[in-house]
Amino acid sequence: MSLRISRQHWQALLTELEDARRQRHLLTYRALIERLQLPSPAMQTLTAALEHLAALDARAERPLRSSLVISQGASRLPRTGYFECVVRLGRFAGPPDGTAAASWHASEVVRVFEFSYPEEP
């Protein structure tokens, strides 16, 4: 199944992530879905968009902006699918849970905070 995000929602996603980067804070999946007002299936659409953005960032050899989106649970980490995605992109090797994943994610968040992304066309 292929999911698409509207151009308006895509631009809003990039804006939300840039605002979070500048303010040096993380967003939950739920908060992002609500802010973007994504239609159903919202979580699947957001996940597909974040994975696409991760692939674009990886191809451009930039820190992964999708790292700024986390679960609202106690772990304060992205969902398992995020780690599966970064493994596919060759950015992380290891199990999607545990200290190695948490440590890698924390360092990637710092890299995102410190990177200046070019304006999107």
PDB file of N, CA and C in Angstrom:
ATOM      1  N   MET A   1       0.841  -1.176   0.000  1.00  0.00           N
ATOM      2  CA  MET A   1       0.000   0.000   0.000  1.00  0.00           C
ATOM      3  C   MET A   1       0.890   1.243   0.000  1.00  0.00           C
ATOM      4  N   SER A   2       0.604   2.158  -0.886  1.00  0.00           N
ATOM      5  CA  SER A   2       1.373   3.393  -0.984  1.00  0.00           C
ATOM      6  C   SER A   2       0.532   4.541  -0.427  1.00  0.00           C
ATOM      7  N   LEU A   3       1.124   5.284   0.482  1.00  0.00           N
ATOM      8  CA  LEU A   3       0.432   6.422   1.064  1.00  0.00           C
ATOM      9  C   LEU A   3       1.088   7.699   0.578  1.00  0.00           C
ATOM     10  N   ARG A   4       0.276   8.711   0.361  1.00  0.00           N
ATOM     11  CA  ARG A   4       0.793   9.997  -0.096  1.00  0.00           C
ATOM     12  C   ARG A   4       0.357  11.070   0.875  1.00  0.00           C
ATOM     13  N   ILE A   5       1.180  12.075   0.993  1.00  0.00           N
ATOM     14  CA  ILE A   5       0.861  13.220   1.837  1.00  0.00           C
ATOM     15  C   ILE A   5       0.688  14.421   0.902  1.00  0.00           C
ATOM     16  N   SER A   6      -0.296  15.248   1.167  1.00  0.00           N
ATOM     17  CA  SER A   6      -0.526  16.411   0.301  1.00  0.00           C
ATOM     18  C   SER A   6       0.663  17.363   0.399  1.00  0.00           C
ATOM     19  N   ARG A   7       0.822  18.180  -0.621  1.00  0.00           N
ATOM     20  CA  ARG A   7       1.898  19.167  -0.634  1.00  0.00           C
ATOM     21  C   ARG A   7       1.760  20.108   0.565  1.00  0.00           C
ATOM     22  N   GLN A   8       0.528  20.491   0.881  1.00  0.00           N
ATOM     23  CA  GLN A   8       0.270  21.385   2.017  1.00  0.00           C
ATOM     24  C   GLN A   8       0.697  20.727   3.331  1.00  0.00           C
ATOM     25  N   HIS A   9       0.352  19.444   3.516  1.00  0.00           N
ATOM     26  CA  HIS A   9       0.743  18.733   4.735  1.00  0.00           C
ATOM     27  C   HIS A   9       2.257  18.524   4.783  1.00  0.00           C
ATOM     28  N   TRP A  10       2.878  18.246   3.632  1.00  0.00           N
ATOM     29  CA  TRP A  10       4.333  18.061   3.562  1.00  0.00           C
ATOM     30  C   TRP A  10       5.048  19.344   4.000  1.00  0.00           C
ATOM     31  N   GLN A  11       4.615  20.486   3.452  1.00  0.00           N
ATOM     32  CA  GLN A  11       5.224  21.767   3.820  1.00  0.00           C
ATOM     33  C   GLN A  11       5.009  22.063   5.297  1.00  0.00           C
ATOM     34  N   ALA A  12       3.818  21.753   5.806  1.00  0.00           N
ATOM     35  CA  ALA A  12       3.525  21.965   7.229  1.00  0.00           C
ATOM     36  C   ALA A  12       4.411  21.066   8.095  1.00  0.00           C
ATOM     37  N   LEU A  13       4.649  19.828   7.648  1.00  0.00           N
ATOM     38  CA  LEU A  13       5.531  18.913   8.375  1.00  0.00           C
ATOM     39  C   LEU A  13       6.944  19.489   8.441  1.00  0.00           C
ATOM     40  N   LEU A  14       7.456  19.953   7.308  1.00  0.00           N
ATOM     41  CA  LEU A  14       8.805  20.530   7.277  1.00  0.00           C
ATOM     42  C   LEU A  14       8.892  21.760   8.180  1.00  0.00           C
ATOM     43  N   THR A  15       7.857  22.573   8.183  1.00  0.00           N
ATOM     44  CA  THR A  15       7.828  23.768   9.027  1.00  0.00           C
ATOM     45  C   THR A  15       7.829  23.395  10.506  1.00  0.00           C
ATOM     46  N   GLU A  16       7.001  22.423  10.887  1.00  0.00           N
ATOM     47  CA  GLU A  16       6.941  21.979  12.290  1.00  0.00           C
ATOM     48  C   GLU A  16       8.294  21.429  12.741  1.00  0.00           C
ATOM     49  N   LEU A  17       8.926  20.631  11.881  1.00  0.00           N
ATOM     50  CA  LEU A  17      10.227  20.060  12.241  1.00  0.00           C
ATOM     51  C   LEU A  17      11.298  21.142  12.335  1.00  0.00           C
ATOM     52  N   GLU A  18      11.252  22.130  11.456  1.00  0.00           N
ATOM     53  CA  GLU A  18      12.226  23.216  11.517  1.00  0.00           C
ATOM     54  C   GLU A  18      12.016  24.056  12.776  1.00  0.00           C
ATOM     55  N   ASP A  19      10.767  24.307  13.127  1.00  0.00           N
ATOM     56  CA  ASP A  19      10.485  25.045  14.364  1.00  0.00           C
ATOM     57  C   ASP A  19      11.003  24.276  15.579  1.00  0.00           C
ATOM     58  N   ALA A  20      10.766  22.980  15.607  1.00  0.00           N
ATOM     59  CA  ALA A  20      11.245  22.143  16.717  1.00  0.00           C
ATOM     60  C   ALA A  20      12.770  22.155  16.766  1.00  0.00           C
ATOM     61  N   ARG A  21      13.406  22.084  15.597  1.00  0.00           N
ATOM     62  CA  ARG A  21      14.872  22.101  15.542  1.00  0.00           C
ATOM     63  C   ARG A  21      15.407  23.411  16.112  1.00  0.00           C
ATOM     64  N   ARG A  22      14.834  24.518  15.680  1.00  0.00           N
ATOM     65  CA  ARG A  22      15.295  25.825  16.147  1.00  0.00           C
ATOM     66  C   ARG A  22      15.083  25.996  17.650  1.00  0.00           C
ATOM     67  N   GLN A  23      13.968  25.471  18.149  1.00  0.00           N
ATOM     68  CA  GLN A  23      13.665  25.587  19.580  1.00  0.00           C
ATOM     69  C   GLN A  23      14.315  24.472  20.406  1.00  0.00           C
ATOM     70  N   ARG A  24      14.972  23.557  19.696  1.00  0.00           N
ATOM     71  CA  ARG A  24      15.667  22.437  20.331  1.00  0.00           C
ATOM     72  C   ARG A  24      14.735  21.613  21.219  1.00  0.00           C
ATOM     73  N   HIS A  25      13.619  21.201  20.625  1.00  0.00           N
ATOM     74  CA  HIS A  25      12.721  20.311  21.355  1.00  0.00           C
ATOM     75  C   HIS A  25      12.203  19.217  20.433  1.00  0.00           C
ATOM     76  N   LEU A  26      11.652  18.187  21.035  1.00  0.00           N
ATOM     77  CA  LEU A  26      11.137  17.041  20.297  1.00  0.00           C
ATOM     78  C   LEU A  26       9.619  17.117  20.218  1.00  0.00           C
ATOM     79  N   LEU A  27       9.049  16.446  19.229  1.00  0.00           N
ATOM     80  CA  LEU A  27       7.606  16.389  19.025  1.00  0.00           C
ATOM     81  C   LEU A  27       7.136  14.947  19.148  1.00  0.00           C
ATOM     82  N   THR A  28       5.946  14.738  19.690  1.00  0.00           N
ATOM     83  CA  THR A  28       5.400  13.379  19.690  1.00  0.00           C
ATOM     84  C   THR A  28       4.645  13.148  18.384  1.00  0.00           C
ATOM     85  N   TYR A  29       4.501  11.882  18.024  1.00  0.00           N
ATOM     86  CA  TYR A  29       3.735  11.540  16.830  1.00  0.00           C
ATOM     87  C   TYR A  29       2.331  12.130  16.944  1.00  0.00           C
ATOM     88  N   ARG A  30       1.709  11.960  18.112  1.00  0.00           N
ATOM     89  CA  ARG A  30       0.336  12.424  18.309  1.00  0.00           C
ATOM     90  C   ARG A  30       0.232  13.942  18.137  1.00  0.00           C
ATOM     91  N   ALA A  31       1.157  14.689  18.759  1.00  0.00           N
ATOM     92  CA  ALA A  31       1.123  16.147  18.640  1.00  0.00           C
ATOM     93  C   ALA A  31       1.283  16.578  17.186  1.00  0.00           C
ATOM     94  N   LEU A  32       2.157  15.906  16.471  1.00  0.00           N
ATOM     95  CA  LEU A  32       2.391  16.249  15.065  1.00  0.00           C
ATOM     96  C   LEU A  32       1.155  15.956  14.219  1.00  0.00           C
ATOM     97  N   ILE A  33       0.523  14.826  14.448  1.00  0.00           N
ATOM     98  CA  ILE A  33      -0.702  14.480  13.718  1.00  0.00           C
ATOM     99  C   ILE A  33      -1.772  15.542  13.977  1.00  0.00           C
ATOM    100  N   GLU A  34      -1.907  15.956  15.235  1.00  0.00           N
ATOM    101  CA  GLU A  34      -2.912  16.958  15.581  1.00  0.00           C
ATOM    102  C   GLU A  34      -2.578  18.315  14.964  1.00  0.00           C
ATOM    103  N   ARG A  35      -1.314  18.729  15.045  1.00  0.00           N
ATOM    104  CA  ARG A  35      -0.919  20.026  14.479  1.00  0.00           C
ATOM    105  C   ARG A  35      -1.103  20.067  12.975  1.00  0.00           C
ATOM    106  N   LEU A  36      -0.782  18.955  12.319  1.00  0.00           N
ATOM    107  CA  LEU A  36      -0.890  18.896  10.861  1.00  0.00           C
ATOM    108  C   LEU A  36      -2.316  18.618  10.411  1.00  0.00           C
ATOM    109  N   GLN A  37      -3.162  18.153  11.322  1.00  0.00           N
ATOM    110  CA  GLN A  37      -4.535  17.754  11.012  1.00  0.00           C
ATOM    111  C   GLN A  37      -4.558  16.761   9.850  1.00  0.00           C
ATOM    112  N   LEU A  38      -3.746  15.722   9.995  1.00  0.00           N
ATOM    113  CA  LEU A  38      -3.664  14.698   8.956  1.00  0.00           C
ATOM    114  C   LEU A  38      -4.942  13.872   8.928  1.00  0.00           C
ATOM    115  N   PRO A  39      -5.436  13.577   7.734  1.00  0.00           N
ATOM    116  CA  PRO A  39      -6.617  12.710   7.623  1.00  0.00           C
ATOM    117  C   PRO A  39      -6.236  11.246   7.858  1.00  0.00           C
ATOM    118  N   SER A  40      -7.219  10.417   8.130  1.00  0.00           N
ATOM    119  CA  SER A  40      -6.980   8.977   8.312  1.00  0.00           C
ATOM    120  C   SER A  40      -6.511   8.367   7.001  1.00  0.00           C
ATOM    121  N   PRO A  41      -5.612   7.414   7.065  1.00  0.00           N
ATOM    122  CA  PRO A  41      -4.936   6.855   8.247  1.00  0.00           C
ATOM    123  C   PRO A  41      -3.748   7.735   8.651  1.00  0.00           C
ATOM    124  N   ALA A  42      -3.931   8.578   9.636  1.00  0.00           N
ATOM    125  CA  ALA A  42      -2.967   9.616   9.984  1.00  0.00           C
ATOM    126  C   ALA A  42      -1.600   9.065  10.375  1.00  0.00           C
ATOM    127  N   MET A  43      -1.566   8.053  11.244  1.00  0.00           N
ATOM    128  CA  MET A  43      -0.274   7.536  11.694  1.00  0.00           C
ATOM    129  C   MET A  43       0.499   6.912  10.536  1.00  0.00           C
ATOM    130  N   GLN A  44      -0.192   6.171   9.683  1.00  0.00           N
ATOM    131  CA  GLN A  44       0.489   5.561   8.545  1.00  0.00           C
ATOM    132  C   GLN A  44       1.002   6.632   7.580  1.00  0.00           C
ATOM    133  N   THR A  45       0.214   7.683   7.374  1.00  0.00           N
ATOM    134  CA  THR A  45       0.635   8.768   6.494  1.00  0.00           C
ATOM    135  C   THR A  45       1.850   9.480   7.070  1.00  0.00           C
ATOM    136  N   LEU A  46       1.801   9.780   8.370  1.00  0.00           N
ATOM    137  CA  LEU A  46       2.933  10.449   9.009  1.00  0.00           C
ATOM    138  C   LEU A  46       4.183   9.578   8.955  1.00  0.00           C
ATOM    139  N   THR A  47       4.029   8.303   9.239  1.00  0.00           N
ATOM    140  CA  THR A  47       5.163   7.383   9.203  1.00  0.00           C
ATOM    141  C   THR A  47       5.789   7.349   7.806  1.00  0.00           C
ATOM    142  N   ALA A  48       4.952   7.231   6.782  1.00  0.00           N
ATOM    143  CA  ALA A  48       5.464   7.199   5.407  1.00  0.00           C
ATOM    144  C   ALA A  48       6.188   8.500   5.071  1.00  0.00           C
ATOM    145  N   ALA A  49       5.628   9.643   5.499  1.00  0.00           N
ATOM    146  CA  ALA A  49       6.253  10.934   5.223  1.00  0.00           C
ATOM    147  C   ALA A  49       7.592  11.060   5.951  1.00  0.00           C
ATOM    148  N   LEU A  50       7.645  10.627   7.215  1.00  0.00           N
ATOM    149  CA  LEU A  50       8.891  10.705   7.981  1.00  0.00           C
ATOM    150  C   LEU A  50       9.960   9.784   7.396  1.00  0.00           C
ATOM    151  N   GLU A  51       9.556   8.605   6.930  1.00  0.00           N
ATOM    152  CA  GLU A  51      10.524   7.696   6.303  1.00  0.00           C
ATOM    153  C   GLU A  51      11.033   8.272   4.985  1.00  0.00           C
ATOM    154  N   HIS A  52      10.154   8.921   4.226  1.00  0.00           N
ATOM    155  CA  HIS A  52      10.576   9.561   2.978  1.00  0.00           C
ATOM    156  C   HIS A  52      11.560  10.691   3.280  1.00  0.00           C
ATOM    157  N   LEU A  53      11.252  11.499   4.296  1.00  0.00           N
ATOM    158  CA  LEU A  53      12.144  12.588   4.679  1.00  0.00           C
ATOM    159  C   LEU A  53      13.495  12.038   5.150  1.00  0.00           C
ATOM    160  N   ALA A  54      13.470  10.950   5.899  1.00  0.00           N
ATOM    161  CA  ALA A  54      14.720  10.330   6.353  1.00  0.00           C
ATOM    162  C   ALA A  54      15.563   9.896   5.149  1.00  0.00           C
ATOM    163  N   ALA A  55      14.917   9.323   4.151  1.00  0.00           N
ATOM    164  CA  ALA A  55      15.643   8.893   2.951  1.00  0.00           C
ATOM    165  C   ALA A  55      16.237  10.100   2.217  1.00  0.00           C
ATOM    166  N   LEU A  56      15.479  11.193   2.123  1.00  0.00           N
ATOM    167  CA  LEU A  56      15.989  12.407   1.474  1.00  0.00           C
ATOM    168  C   LEU A  56      17.181  12.960   2.244  1.00  0.00           C
ATOM    169  N   ASP A  57      17.059  13.028   3.575  1.00  0.00           N
ATOM    170  CA  ASP A  57      18.167  13.537   4.391  1.00  0.00           C
ATOM    171  C   ASP A  57      19.389  12.639   4.280  1.00  0.00           C
ATOM    172  N   ALA A  58      19.178  11.328   4.302  1.00  0.00           N
ATOM    173  CA  ALA A  58      20.299  10.388   4.211  1.00  0.00           C
ATOM    174  C   ALA A  58      21.002  10.538   2.861  1.00  0.00           C
ATOM    175  N   ARG A  59      20.228  10.660   1.793  1.00  0.00           N
ATOM    176  CA  ARG A  59      20.801  10.813   0.458  1.00  0.00           C
ATOM    177  C   ARG A  59      21.637  12.090   0.373  1.00  0.00           C
ATOM    178  N   ALA A  60      21.199  13.135   1.061  1.00  0.00           N
ATOM    179  CA  ALA A  60      21.925  14.418   1.061  1.00  0.00           C
ATOM    180  C   ALA A  60      23.007  14.460   2.147  1.00  0.00           C
ATOM    181  N   GLU A  61      23.193  13.331   2.842  1.00  0.00           N
ATOM    182  CA  GLU A  61      24.195  13.211   3.907  1.00  0.00           C
ATOM    183  C   GLU A  61      23.982  14.246   5.015  1.00  0.00           C
ATOM    184  N   ARG A  62      22.699  14.429   5.375  1.00  0.00           N
ATOM    185  CA  ARG A  62      22.326  15.341   6.453  1.00  0.00           C
ATOM    186  C   ARG A  62      21.817  14.537   7.646  1.00  0.00           C
ATOM    187  N   PRO A  63      21.854  15.124   8.844  1.00  0.00           N
ATOM    188  CA  PRO A  63      21.216  14.482   9.995  1.00  0.00           C
ATOM    189  C   PRO A  63      19.720  14.296   9.705  1.00  0.00           C
ATOM    190  N   LEU A  64      19.143  13.259  10.261  1.00  0.00           N
ATOM    191  CA  LEU A  64      17.762  12.886   9.962  1.00  0.00           C
ATOM    192  C   LEU A  64      16.763  13.675  10.804  1.00  0.00           C
ATOM    193  N   ARG A  65      16.040  14.587  10.153  1.00  0.00           N
ATOM    194  CA  ARG A  65      15.051  15.402  10.858  1.00  0.00           C
ATOM    195  C   ARG A  65      13.947  14.567  11.483  1.00  0.00           C
ATOM    196  N   SER A  66      13.680  13.400  10.928  1.00  0.00           N
ATOM    197  CA  SER A  66      12.647  12.528  11.493  1.00  0.00           C
ATOM    198  C   SER A  66      13.000  12.087  12.915  1.00  0.00           C
ATOM    199  N   SER A  67      14.249  12.267  13.305  1.00  0.00           N
ATOM    200  CA  SER A  67      14.688  11.923  14.669  1.00  0.00           C
ATOM    201  C   SER A  67      14.015  12.782  15.724  1.00  0.00           C
ATOM    202  N   LEU A  68      13.450  13.909  15.327  1.00  0.00           N
ATOM    203  CA  LEU A  68      12.811  14.813  16.280  1.00  0.00           C
ATOM    204  C   LEU A  68      11.418  14.350  16.701  1.00  0.00           C
ATOM    205  N   VAL A  69      10.927  13.278  16.093  1.00  0.00           N
ATOM    206  CA  VAL A  69       9.580  12.793  16.398  1.00  0.00           C
ATOM    207  C   VAL A  69       9.688  11.522  17.233  1.00  0.00           C
ATOM    208  N   ILE A  70       9.043  11.565  18.402  1.00  0.00           N
ATOM    209  CA  ILE A  70       9.165  10.465  19.370  1.00  0.00           C
ATOM    210  C   ILE A  70       7.792  10.009  19.862  1.00  0.00           C
ATOM    211  N   SER A  71       7.793   8.859  20.511  1.00  0.00           N
ATOM    212  CA  SER A  71       6.578   8.351  21.163  1.00  0.00           C
ATOM    213  C   SER A  71       6.346   9.127  22.449  1.00  0.00           C
ATOM    214  N   GLN A  72       5.105   9.193  22.873  1.00  0.00           N
ATOM    215  CA  GLN A  72       4.823   9.899  24.114  1.00  0.00           C
ATOM    216  C   GLN A  72       5.002   8.996  25.329  1.00  0.00           C
ATOM    217  N   GLY A  73       5.367   7.741  25.108  1.00  0.00           N
ATOM    218  CA  GLY A  73       5.593   6.812  26.208  1.00  0.00           C
ATOM    219  C   GLY A  73       6.834   7.156  27.014  1.00  0.00           C
ATOM    220  N   ALA A  74       7.087   6.351  27.990  1.00  0.00           N
ATOM    221  CA  ALA A  74       8.185   6.605  28.927  1.00  0.00           C
ATOM    222  C   ALA A  74       9.555   6.600  28.264  1.00  0.00           C
ATOM    223  N   SER A  75       9.708   5.865  27.167  1.00  0.00           N
ATOM    224  CA  SER A  75      11.027   5.758  26.532  1.00  0.00           C
ATOM    225  C   SER A  75      11.496   7.081  25.935  1.00  0.00           C
ATOM    226  N   ARG A  76      10.553   7.914  25.496  1.00  0.00           N
ATOM    227  CA  ARG A  76      10.880   9.173  24.812  1.00  0.00           C
ATOM    228  C   ARG A  76      11.759   8.922  23.576  1.00  0.00           C
ATOM    229  N   LEU A  77      11.530   7.793  22.942  1.00  0.00           N
ATOM    230  CA  LEU A  77      12.240   7.417  21.720  1.00  0.00           C
ATOM    231  C   LEU A  77      11.238   7.285  20.580  1.00  0.00           C
ATOM    232  N   PRO A  78      11.718   7.311  19.339  1.00  0.00           N
ATOM    233  CA  PRO A  78      10.829   7.014  18.214  1.00  0.00           C
ATOM    234  C   PRO A  78      10.343   5.563  18.280  1.00  0.00           C
ATOM    235  N   ARG A  79       9.346   5.277  17.491  1.00  0.00           N
ATOM    236  CA  ARG A  79       8.812   3.917  17.408  1.00  0.00           C
ATOM    237  C   ARG A  79       9.831   2.987  16.750  1.00  0.00           C
ATOM    238  N   THR A  80       9.601   1.712  16.897  1.00  0.00           N
ATOM    239  CA  THR A  80      10.493   0.685  16.342  1.00  0.00           C
ATOM    240  C   THR A  80      10.713   0.879  14.843  1.00  0.00           C
ATOM    241  N   GLY A  81       9.663   1.263  14.114  1.00  0.00           N
ATOM    242  CA  GLY A  81       9.774   1.454  12.666  1.00  0.00           C
ATOM    243  C   GLY A  81      10.819   2.489  12.276  1.00  0.00           C
ATOM    244  N   TYR A  82      11.016   3.495  13.127  1.00  0.00           N
ATOM    245  CA  TYR A  82      12.052   4.502  12.876  1.00  0.00           C
ATOM    246  C   TYR A  82      13.421   3.828  12.840  1.00  0.00           C
ATOM    247  N   PHE A  83      13.681   2.982  13.834  1.00  0.00           N
ATOM    248  CA  PHE A  83      14.990   2.323  13.896  1.00  0.00           C
ATOM    249  C   PHE A  83      15.161   1.336  12.747  1.00  0.00           C
ATOM    250  N   GLU A  84      14.078   0.657  12.350  1.00  0.00           N
ATOM    251  CA  GLU A  84      14.154  -0.229  11.186  1.00  0.00           C
ATOM    252  C   GLU A  84      14.492   0.582   9.932  1.00  0.00           C
ATOM    253  N   CYS A  85      13.910   1.773   9.835  1.00  0.00           N
ATOM    254  CA  CYS A  85      14.182   2.654   8.693  1.00  0.00           C
ATOM    255  C   CYS A  85      15.647   3.096   8.685  1.00  0.00           C
ATOM    256  N   VAL A  86      16.170   3.534   9.830  1.00  0.00           N
ATOM    257  CA  VAL A  86      17.558   4.023   9.840  1.00  0.00           C
ATOM    258  C   VAL A  86      18.551   2.888   9.620  1.00  0.00           C
ATOM    259  N   VAL A  87      18.174   1.666   9.981  1.00  0.00           N
ATOM    260  CA  VAL A  87      19.015   0.507   9.653  1.00  0.00           C
ATOM    261  C   VAL A  87      19.035   0.323   8.132  1.00  0.00           C
ATOM    262  N   ARG A  88      17.849   0.383   7.492  1.00  0.00           N
ATOM    263  CA  ARG A  88      17.777   0.253   6.020  1.00  0.00           C
ATOM    264  C   ARG A  88      18.590   1.338   5.328  1.00  0.00           C
ATOM    265  N   LEU A  89      18.630   2.530   5.922  1.00  0.00           N
ATOM    266  CA  LEU A  89      19.369   3.646   5.331  1.00  0.00           C
ATOM    267  C   LEU A  89      20.869   3.578   5.627  1.00  0.00           C
ATOM    268  N   GLY A  90      21.278   2.599   6.417  1.00  0.00           N
ATOM    269  CA  GLY A  90      22.689   2.436   6.738  1.00  0.00           C
ATOM    270  C   GLY A  90      23.200   3.419   7.777  1.00  0.00           C
ATOM    271  N   ARG A  91      22.301   4.003   8.550  1.00  0.00           N
ATOM    272  CA  ARG A  91      22.703   4.982   9.565  1.00  0.00           C
ATOM    273  C   ARG A  91      22.920   4.374  10.939  1.00  0.00           C
ATOM    274  N   PHE A  92      22.292   3.238  11.197  1.00  0.00           N
ATOM    275  CA  PHE A  92      22.392   2.599  12.511  1.00  0.00           C
ATOM    276  C   PHE A  92      22.391   1.101  12.309  1.00  0.00           C
ATOM    277  N   ALA A  93      23.197   0.408  13.108  1.00  0.00           N
ATOM    278  CA  ALA A  93      23.219  -1.058  13.078  1.00  0.00           C
ATOM    279  C   ALA A  93      23.008  -1.557  14.492  1.00  0.00           C
ATOM    280  N   GLY A  94      21.965  -2.302  14.699  1.00  0.00           N
ATOM    281  CA  GLY A  94      21.699  -2.823  16.024  1.00  0.00           C
ATOM    282  C   GLY A  94      20.221  -3.022  16.242  1.00  0.00           C
ATOM    283  N   PRO A  95      19.868  -3.569  17.411  1.00  0.00           N
ATOM    284  CA  PRO A  95      18.461  -3.786  17.720  1.00  0.00           C
ATOM    285  C   PRO A  95      17.747  -2.450  17.939  1.00  0.00           C
ATOM    286  N   PRO A  96      16.431  -2.410  17.620  1.00  0.00           N
ATOM    287  CA  PRO A  96      15.678  -1.163  17.708  1.00  0.00           C
ATOM    288  C   PRO A  96      15.317  -0.739  19.138  1.00  0.00           C
ATOM    289  N   ASP A  97      15.765  -1.502  20.103  1.00  0.00           N
ATOM    290  CA  ASP A  97      15.525  -1.115  21.494  1.00  0.00           C
ATOM    291  C   ASP A  97      16.815  -1.326  22.267  1.00  0.00           C
ATOM    292  N   GLY A  98      16.906  -0.717  23.406  1.00  0.00           N
ATOM    293  CA  GLY A  98      18.109  -0.874  24.201  1.00  0.00           C
ATOM    294  C   GLY A  98      18.969   0.368  24.186  1.00  0.00           C
ATOM    295  N   THR A  99      20.072   0.265  24.891  1.00  0.00           N
ATOM    296  CA  THR A  99      20.919   1.439  25.093  1.00  0.00           C
ATOM    297  C   THR A  99      21.615   1.908  23.818  1.00  0.00           C
ATOM    298  N   ALA A 100      21.993   0.992  22.942  1.00  0.00           N
ATOM    299  CA  ALA A 100      22.665   1.404  21.705  1.00  0.00           C
ATOM    300  C   ALA A 100      21.731   2.260  20.850  1.00  0.00           C
ATOM    301  N   ALA A 101      20.466   1.843  20.731  1.00  0.00           N
ATOM    302  CA  ALA A 101      19.490   2.604  19.951  1.00  0.00           C
ATOM    303  C   ALA A 101      19.233   3.961  20.604  1.00  0.00           C
ATOM    304  N   ALA A 102      19.060   3.975  21.918  1.00  0.00           N
ATOM    305  CA  ALA A 102      18.797   5.230  22.635  1.00  0.00           C
ATOM    306  C   ALA A 102      19.978   6.185  22.507  1.00  0.00           C
ATOM    307  N   SER A 103      21.176   5.668  22.614  1.00  0.00           N
ATOM    308  CA  SER A 103      22.376   6.487  22.505  1.00  0.00           C
ATOM    309  C   SER A 103      22.528   7.051  21.093  1.00  0.00           C
ATOM    310  N   TRP A 104      22.311   6.192  20.078  1.00  0.00           N
ATOM    311  CA  TRP A 104      22.412   6.653  18.700  1.00  0.00           C
ATOM    312  C   TRP A 104      21.378   7.746  18.440  1.00  0.00           C
ATOM    313  N   HIS A 105      20.152   7.530  18.890  1.00  0.00           N
ATOM    314  CA  HIS A 105      19.092   8.513  18.680  1.00  0.00           C
ATOM    315  C   HIS A 105      19.451   9.845  19.339  1.00  0.00           C
ATOM    316  N   ALA A 106      19.938   9.805  20.573  1.00  0.00           N
ATOM    317  CA  ALA A 106      20.305  11.036  21.284  1.00  0.00           C
ATOM    318  C   ALA A 106      21.374  11.810  20.514  1.00  0.00           C
ATOM    319  N   SER A 107      22.369  11.105  19.981  1.00  0.00           N
ATOM    320  CA  SER A 107      23.420  11.804  19.235  1.00  0.00           C
ATOM    321  C   SER A 107      22.887  12.345  17.910  1.00  0.00           C
ATOM    322  N   GLU A 108      21.953  11.639  17.286  1.00  0.00           N
ATOM    323  CA  GLU A 108      21.376  12.130  16.029  1.00  0.00           C
ATOM    324  C   GLU A 108      20.529  13.378  16.287  1.00  0.00           C
ATOM    325  N   VAL A 109      19.808  13.414  17.391  1.00  0.00           N
ATOM    326  CA  VAL A 109      19.019  14.597  17.752  1.00  0.00           C
ATOM    327  C   VAL A 109      19.940  15.812  17.907  1.00  0.00           C
ATOM    328  N   VAL A 110      21.071  15.636  18.573  1.00  0.00           N
ATOM    329  CA  VAL A 110      22.031  16.732  18.737  1.00  0.00           C
ATOM    330  C   VAL A 110      22.525  17.199  17.364  1.00  0.00           C
ATOM    331  N   ARG A 111      22.811  16.248  16.483  1.00  0.00           N
ATOM    332  CA  ARG A 111      23.264  16.606  15.132  1.00  0.00           C
ATOM    333  C   ARG A 111      22.198  17.417  14.394  1.00  0.00           C
ATOM    334  N   VAL A 112      20.931  17.022  14.535  1.00  0.00           N
ATOM    335  CA  VAL A 112      19.837  17.755  13.882  1.00  0.00           C
ATOM    336  C   VAL A 112      19.758  19.169  14.443  1.00  0.00           C
ATOM    337  N   PHE A 113      19.816  19.294  15.776  1.00  0.00           N
ATOM    338  CA  PHE A 113      19.744  20.609  16.413  1.00  0.00           C
ATOM    339  C   PHE A 113      20.851  21.540  15.915  1.00  0.00           C
ATOM    340  N   GLU A 114      22.026  20.993  15.646  1.00  0.00           N
ATOM    341  CA  GLU A 114      23.186  21.801  15.285  1.00  0.00           C
ATOM    342  C   GLU A 114      23.324  22.052  13.783  1.00  0.00           C
ATOM    343  N   PHE A 115      22.522  21.349  12.966  1.00  0.00           N
ATOM    344  CA  PHE A 115      22.646  21.455  11.515  1.00  0.00           C
ATOM    345  C   PHE A 115      21.726  22.567  10.996  1.00  0.00           C
ATOM    346  N   SER A 116      22.174  23.258   9.989  1.00  0.00           N
ATOM    347  CA  SER A 116      21.346  24.281   9.341  1.00  0.00           C
ATOM    348  C   SER A 116      20.872  23.742   7.990  1.00  0.00           C
ATOM    349  N   TYR A 117      19.596  23.427   7.911  1.00  0.00           N
ATOM    350  CA  TYR A 117      19.031  22.831   6.693  1.00  0.00           C
ATOM    351  C   TYR A 117      18.754  23.905   5.657  1.00  0.00           C
ATOM    352  N   PRO A 118      18.991  23.583   4.380  1.00  0.00           N
ATOM    353  CA  PRO A 118      18.677  24.560   3.331  1.00  0.00           C
ATOM    354  C   PRO A 118      17.167  24.734   3.210  1.00  0.00           C
ATOM    355  N   GLU A 119      16.765  25.879   2.726  1.00  0.00           N
ATOM    356  CA  GLU A 119      15.345  26.128   2.467  1.00  0.00           C
ATOM    357  C   GLU A 119      14.849  25.146   1.409  1.00  0.00           C
ATOM    358  N   GLU A 120      13.652  24.620   1.634  1.00  0.00           N
ATOM    359  CA  GLU A 120      13.060  23.697   0.652  1.00  0.00           C
ATOM    360  C   GLU A 120      12.497  24.503  -0.515  1.00  0.00           C
ATOM    361  N   PRO A 121      12.618  23.973  -1.729  1.00  0.00           N
ATOM    362  CA  PRO A 121      12.096  24.700  -2.905  1.00  0.00           C
ATOM    363  C   PRO A 121      10.588  24.786  -2.894  1.00  0.00           C
TER     364      PRO A 121
END
